[in-house]
Amino acid sequence: MSVEVVRVMVGYALARAHNQRAKARRGESQLGASALEWAIISAILVAAALAIGLVVRSVIDKRTGEIQKG
């Protein structure tokens, strides 16, 4: 599940960046500041998703080991 969440967030960040670039080409946006803000937000969200995924995976691995031991 965590891979899917990361994939969705990365896809959203890329789509948002593409949209910002398109606006900048039309002169409707200040690309520099906005792109940097979105890059930082996206990096934080990806890091959080990875951390949550690792925690969930470790809990599942631990419980699986306990079940196998009986």
C-alpha atoms as a PDB file:
ATOM      1  CA  MET A   1       0.000   0.000   0.000  1.00  0.00           C
ATOM      2  CA  SER A   2       2.748   2.504   0.785  1.00  0.00           C
ATOM      3  CA  VAL A   3       4.167   2.200  -2.739  1.00  0.00           C
ATOM      4  CA  GLU A   4       0.779   3.113  -4.161  1.00  0.00           C
ATOM      5  CA  VAL A   5       0.509   6.142  -1.882  1.00  0.00           C
ATOM      6  CA  VAL A   6       3.976   7.328  -2.868  1.00  0.00           C
ATOM      7  CA  ARG A   7       3.158   6.766  -6.538  1.00  0.00           C
ATOM      8  CA  VAL A   8      -0.007   8.869  -6.213  1.00  0.00           C
ATOM      9  CA  MET A   9       1.795  11.677  -4.396  1.00  0.00           C
ATOM     10  CA  VAL A  10       4.657  11.747  -6.880  1.00  0.00           C
ATOM     11  CA  GLY A  11       2.165  11.721  -9.751  1.00  0.00           C
ATOM     12  CA  TYR A  12       0.309  14.622  -8.184  1.00  0.00           C
ATOM     13  CA  ALA A  13       3.514  16.586  -7.646  1.00  0.00           C
ATOM     14  CA  LEU A  14       4.590  16.018 -11.249  1.00  0.00           C
ATOM     15  CA  ALA A  15       1.159  17.014 -12.580  1.00  0.00           C
ATOM     16  CA  ARG A  16       1.198  20.122 -10.407  1.00  0.00           C
ATOM     17  CA  ALA A  17       4.686  21.051 -11.614  1.00  0.00           C
ATOM     18  CA  HIS A  18       3.594  20.530 -15.232  1.00  0.00           C
ATOM     19  CA  ASN A  19       0.589  22.777 -14.635  1.00  0.00           C
ATOM     20  CA  GLN A  20       2.790  25.465 -13.082  1.00  0.00           C
ATOM     21  CA  ARG A  21       5.204  25.335 -16.035  1.00  0.00           C
ATOM     22  CA  ALA A  22       2.301  25.705 -18.453  1.00  0.00           C
ATOM     23  CA  LYS A  23       1.041  28.740 -16.542  1.00  0.00           C
ATOM     24  CA  ALA A  24       4.532  30.249 -16.522  1.00  0.00           C
ATOM     25  CA  ARG A  25       4.795  29.880 -20.299  1.00  0.00           C
ATOM     26  CA  ARG A  26       1.559  31.853 -20.618  1.00  0.00           C
ATOM     27  CA  GLY A  27       2.835  34.459 -18.165  1.00  0.00           C
ATOM     28  CA  GLU A  28       0.189  33.645 -15.550  1.00  0.00           C
ATOM     29  CA  SER A  29       2.419  32.466 -12.720  1.00  0.00           C
ATOM     30  CA  GLN A  30       5.568  33.139 -10.762  1.00  0.00           C
ATOM     31  CA  LEU A  31       7.108  29.740 -11.383  1.00  0.00           C
ATOM     32  CA  GLY A  32      10.257  29.992  -9.248  1.00  0.00           C
ATOM     33  CA  ALA A  33       8.783  30.488  -5.783  1.00  0.00           C
ATOM     34  CA  SER A  34       5.731  28.335  -6.398  1.00  0.00           C
ATOM     35  CA  ALA A  35       7.719  25.435  -7.848  1.00  0.00           C
ATOM     36  CA  LEU A  36      10.120  25.503  -4.910  1.00  0.00           C
ATOM     37  CA  GLU A  37       7.266  25.486  -2.413  1.00  0.00           C
ATOM     38  CA  TRP A  38       5.592  22.548  -4.156  1.00  0.00           C
ATOM     39  CA  ALA A  39       8.873  20.656  -4.365  1.00  0.00           C
ATOM     40  CA  ILE A  40       9.401  21.059  -0.622  1.00  0.00           C
ATOM     41  CA  ILE A  41       5.824  20.074   0.208  1.00  0.00           C
ATOM     42  CA  SER A  42       6.033  17.069  -2.103  1.00  0.00           C
ATOM     43  CA  ALA A  43       9.333  15.939  -0.576  1.00  0.00           C
ATOM     44  CA  ILE A  44       7.863  16.150   2.923  1.00  0.00           C
ATOM     45  CA  LEU A  45       4.786  14.161   1.890  1.00  0.00           C
ATOM     46  CA  VAL A  46       6.853  11.485   0.147  1.00  0.00           C
ATOM     47  CA  ALA A  47       9.144  11.175   3.185  1.00  0.00           C
ATOM     48  CA  ALA A  48       6.115  10.884   5.488  1.00  0.00           C
ATOM     49  CA  ALA A  49       4.530   8.217   3.281  1.00  0.00           C
ATOM     50  CA  LEU A  50       7.757   6.236   3.206  1.00  0.00           C
ATOM     51  CA  ALA A  51       8.120   6.464   6.979  1.00  0.00           C
ATOM     52  CA  ILE A  52       4.544   5.313   7.529  1.00  0.00           C
ATOM     53  CA  GLY A  53       5.056   2.494   5.037  1.00  0.00           C
ATOM     54  CA  LEU A  54       8.185   1.316   6.826  1.00  0.00           C
ATOM     55  CA  VAL A  55       6.435   1.339  10.206  1.00  0.00           C
ATOM     56  CA  VAL A  56       3.464  -0.593   8.844  1.00  0.00           C
ATOM     57  CA  ARG A  57       5.760  -3.088   7.150  1.00  0.00           C
ATOM     58  CA  SER A  58       7.772  -3.681  10.327  1.00  0.00           C
ATOM     59  CA  VAL A  59       4.591  -4.235  12.350  1.00  0.00           C
ATOM     60  CA  ILE A  60       3.300  -6.693   9.750  1.00  0.00           C
ATOM     61  CA  ASP A  61       6.639  -8.527   9.661  1.00  0.00           C
ATOM     62  CA  LYS A  62       6.674  -8.735  13.470  1.00  0.00           C
ATOM     63  CA  ARG A  63       3.122 -10.061  13.645  1.00  0.00           C
ATOM     64  CA  THR A  64       3.817 -12.553  10.865  1.00  0.00           C
ATOM     65  CA  GLY A  65       6.784 -13.882  12.826  1.00  0.00           C
ATOM     66  CA  GLU A  66       4.666 -14.204  15.960  1.00  0.00           C
ATOM     67  CA  ILE A  67       1.964 -16.099  14.055  1.00  0.00           C
ATOM     68  CA  GLN A  68       4.495 -18.472  12.501  1.00  0.00           C
ATOM     69  CA  LYS A  69       6.004 -19.244  15.925  1.00  0.00           C
ATOM     70  CA  GLY A  70       2.594 -20.156  17.210  1.00  0.00           C
END
